[in-house]
Protein backbone atom coordinates (compact mmCIF):
# COMPACT_ATOMS: atom_id res chain seq x y z
CA MET A 1 142.99 125.71 68.27
CA SER A 2 141.64 123.26 70.56
CA VAL A 3 139.60 120.53 69.06
CA ASN A 4 137.22 118.80 71.49
CA ILE A 5 136.48 115.36 70.21
CA VAL A 6 133.28 113.97 71.72
CA ARG A 7 132.71 110.12 71.26
CA LYS A 8 129.31 108.78 71.14
CA LYS A 9 128.70 105.60 72.91
CA ASN A 10 126.71 103.92 70.41
CA GLY A 11 126.85 100.00 72.03
CA PHE A 12 128.12 97.98 74.42
CA THR A 13 131.86 97.05 75.40
CA ILE A 14 133.10 93.47 75.11
CA VAL A 15 133.27 93.18 78.44
CA GLU A 16 129.69 94.17 79.16
CA LEU A 17 128.49 91.46 76.47
CA LEU A 18 130.84 88.84 78.13
CA ILE A 19 129.17 89.63 81.73
CA VAL A 20 125.65 89.27 79.93
CA ILE A 21 126.57 85.96 78.25
CA VAL A 22 128.05 84.59 81.78
CA VAL A 23 124.97 85.47 83.62
CA ILE A 24 122.48 84.00 80.89
CA ALA A 25 124.81 80.51 80.81
CA ILE A 26 124.66 80.48 84.69
CA LEU A 27 120.88 81.03 84.64
CA ALA A 28 120.40 78.29 82.05
CA ALA A 29 122.54 75.83 83.79
CA ILE A 30 120.74 76.45 87.06
CA SER A 31 117.29 75.77 85.21
CA ILE A 32 118.29 72.61 83.38
CA VAL A 33 119.50 71.32 86.77
CA ALA A 34 116.31 72.11 88.36
CA TYR A 35 114.11 70.62 85.51
CA ASN A 36 116.23 67.45 85.71
CA GLY A 37 115.14 67.31 89.15
CA VAL A 38 111.60 67.97 88.42
CA THR A 39 111.50 65.10 85.96
CA ALA A 40 113.20 62.50 88.22
CA ARG A 41 110.88 63.34 90.87
CA ALA A 42 107.72 63.21 88.39
CA GLN A 43 108.89 59.79 87.05
CA GLU A 44 109.55 58.41 90.85
CA SER A 45 105.78 59.78 91.88
CA LYS A 46 104.35 58.04 88.72
CA MET A 47 105.57 54.76 89.66
CA LYS A 48 104.64 54.89 93.16
CA SER A 49 101.28 55.87 92.18
CA ASP A 50 101.05 53.00 89.73
CA ILE A 51 102.31 50.34 92.16
CA ASN A 52 99.72 51.51 94.55
CA GLN A 53 97.22 51.13 92.02
CA ILE A 54 98.21 47.74 90.84
CA HIS A 55 98.52 46.92 94.65
CA LYS A 56 94.89 48.10 95.54
CA ALA A 57 93.78 46.19 92.23
CA ILE A 58 95.33 42.91 93.21
CA LEU A 59 93.91 43.36 96.72
CA ALA A 60 90.26 43.94 95.21
CA ALA A 61 90.64 41.05 92.74
CA ARG A 62 91.65 38.57 95.61
CA ILE A 63 88.83 39.77 97.76
CA ASN A 64 86.19 39.83 94.98
CA THR A 65 87.33 36.29 93.76
CA GLY A 66 88.30 34.68 97.12
CA LYS A 67 91.60 33.51 95.11
CA THR A 68 95.32 34.36 95.27
CA MET A 69 96.96 36.45 92.69
CA GLN A 70 97.82 33.23 90.92
CA GLY A 71 94.50 32.10 91.22
CA VAL A 72 93.12 35.32 89.67
CA THR A 73 95.62 35.51 86.81
CA GLY A 74 95.96 31.81 86.11
CA ALA A 75 99.86 32.17 86.13
CA TYR A 76 102.76 31.84 88.31
CA ALA A 77 105.13 34.68 87.35
CA SER A 78 103.53 36.29 84.57
CA VAL A 79 106.49 38.41 84.02
CA GLN A 80 109.02 35.47 83.95
CA SER A 81 109.43 35.78 80.10
CA CYS A 82 110.47 39.41 80.84
CA GLY A 83 112.90 38.69 83.48
CA ASP A 84 114.50 36.02 81.50
CA LYS A 85 115.48 38.27 78.52
CA ALA A 86 119.31 38.81 78.26
CA ASN A 87 121.04 41.07 80.27
CA GLY A 88 121.27 44.83 78.81
CA SER A 89 117.74 44.24 77.45
CA ASP A 90 115.45 47.37 77.22
CA LEU A 91 112.19 45.80 77.77
CA ALA A 92 110.71 49.05 76.39
CA ALA A 93 111.87 48.50 73.11
CA LEU A 94 110.43 45.10 72.96
CA PRO A 95 107.28 44.78 70.56
CA GLN A 96 103.83 44.36 72.29
CA SER A 97 103.65 41.10 70.50
CA ASP A 98 106.49 39.79 72.43
CA ALA A 99 106.01 37.17 75.24
CA CYS A 100 106.91 39.48 78.08
CA TRP A 101 104.33 41.95 76.84
CA VAL A 102 101.68 39.60 76.25
CA SER A 103 101.77 37.71 79.32
CA TYR A 104 102.00 41.08 81.28
CA ASN A 105 99.18 42.67 79.62
CA ALA A 106 97.05 39.52 80.11
CA ALA A 107 97.72 39.38 83.89
CA LEU A 108 96.54 43.24 84.16
CA ASP A 109 93.55 42.48 82.21
CA LYS A 110 92.58 39.68 84.43
CA ILE A 111 93.11 41.55 87.58
CA SER A 112 91.42 44.66 86.08
CA VAL A 113 88.32 42.33 85.31
CA ALA A 114 88.51 40.65 88.78
CA SER A 115 89.10 43.87 90.73
CA GLY A 116 86.89 46.48 88.77
CA HIS A 117 90.08 48.70 88.63
CA ASN A 118 91.23 49.42 85.30
CA ILE A 119 95.21 48.91 85.35
CA ARG A 120 95.36 47.68 81.86
CA GLY A 121 98.46 48.72 79.74
CA MET A 122 100.34 50.41 82.86
CA LYS A 123 104.06 51.16 81.98
CA ASP A 124 106.64 52.59 84.28
CA ALA A 125 108.27 55.88 83.50
CA TRP A 126 110.38 54.32 81.01
CA GLY A 127 107.75 52.42 79.34
CA ARG A 128 108.56 49.21 80.52
CA PRO A 129 106.15 46.71 82.05
CA TYR A 130 106.06 46.44 85.99
CA LEU A 131 107.01 43.25 87.69
CA VAL A 132 104.19 41.75 88.70
CA TYR A 133 105.21 38.32 90.20
CA GLU A 134 102.20 35.76 91.38
CA ALA A 135 104.33 33.71 93.75
CA GLU A 136 101.98 32.86 96.92
CA GLY A 137 101.19 29.23 96.48
CA GLY A 138 103.42 28.74 93.47
CA THR A 139 105.57 26.04 94.52
CA PRO A 140 105.92 23.44 97.28
CA SER A 141 109.26 24.38 97.98
CA GLN A 142 108.41 27.90 98.59
CA PRO A 143 104.80 27.98 100.38
CA CYS A 144 105.46 31.11 102.06
CA ARG A 145 106.52 33.26 99.09
CA LYS A 146 104.80 36.72 98.71
CA ASP A 147 103.39 38.07 95.64
CA GLU A 148 105.18 41.01 94.51
CA ILE A 149 105.06 44.20 92.55
CA GLY A 150 108.11 46.20 91.39
CA VAL A 151 110.19 47.90 88.63
CA PHE A 152 112.58 46.07 86.43
CA ALA A 153 116.22 47.69 86.64
CA ASN A 154 116.99 49.38 83.43
CA PRO A 155 118.89 47.91 81.41
CA LEU A 156 117.76 44.53 82.54
CA SER A 157 120.08 42.84 84.93
CA SER A 158 118.82 39.26 85.78
CA TRP A 159 115.62 40.04 87.38
CA THR A 160 117.32 43.03 89.28
CA GLN A 161 114.48 45.30 90.57
CA ILE A 162 114.69 48.82 91.84
CA GLY A 163 114.56 48.37 95.37
CA LYS A 164 112.57 51.48 96.24
CA TYR A 165 109.82 50.54 94.12
CA HIS A 166 109.21 47.05 95.39
CA LEU A 167 106.48 45.89 97.33
CA ASP A 168 105.57 42.38 98.81
CA ILE A 169 101.97 41.74 99.09
CA ALA A 170 100.77 40.41 102.10
CA LEU A 171 99.80 36.39 102.04
CA TYR A 172 96.03 36.22 100.85
CA SER A 173 95.83 32.78 102.55
CA PRO A 174 98.40 32.62 105.55
CA GLN A 175 100.20 29.28 105.97
CA THR A 176 100.54 28.06 109.30
CA SER A 177 104.15 27.30 109.06
CA CYS A 178 104.93 30.65 107.59
């Protein structure tokens, strides 16, 4: 008497399950890397766009008022109190009542009013103020210094800027000795 035992295959083998898990893990890793790249590019694009908008607003304010940026904002280095924070400081974590934010927001407000471009409240991709530095005509020892727009390094490191997000603004009233 011969008995034929027929086994029914009711599921997947452990090898098949492991292969599926590995494939899913590889796809997840690829998508995470791709997402991080997209996020970084979006942050970079935002900062370049913001700096361009601030630059255009400053140029318009200087033309509309006939003054340097320092004359428009009434300050020399509005973000001085930001740059003077202790190394390692996170400017985004500072309260809006901190002198850093108060002077920064006041400068953007004055530039917005003078230019007709609304740049109020602009923050970089990490929620920090942009470096807006009114330097032209600021000190007799540096008469040829240009106004600057940039992004502070994070964490803060003694006025260090991220180089690729830095823009020197052409002198409004060129000095003959520059």
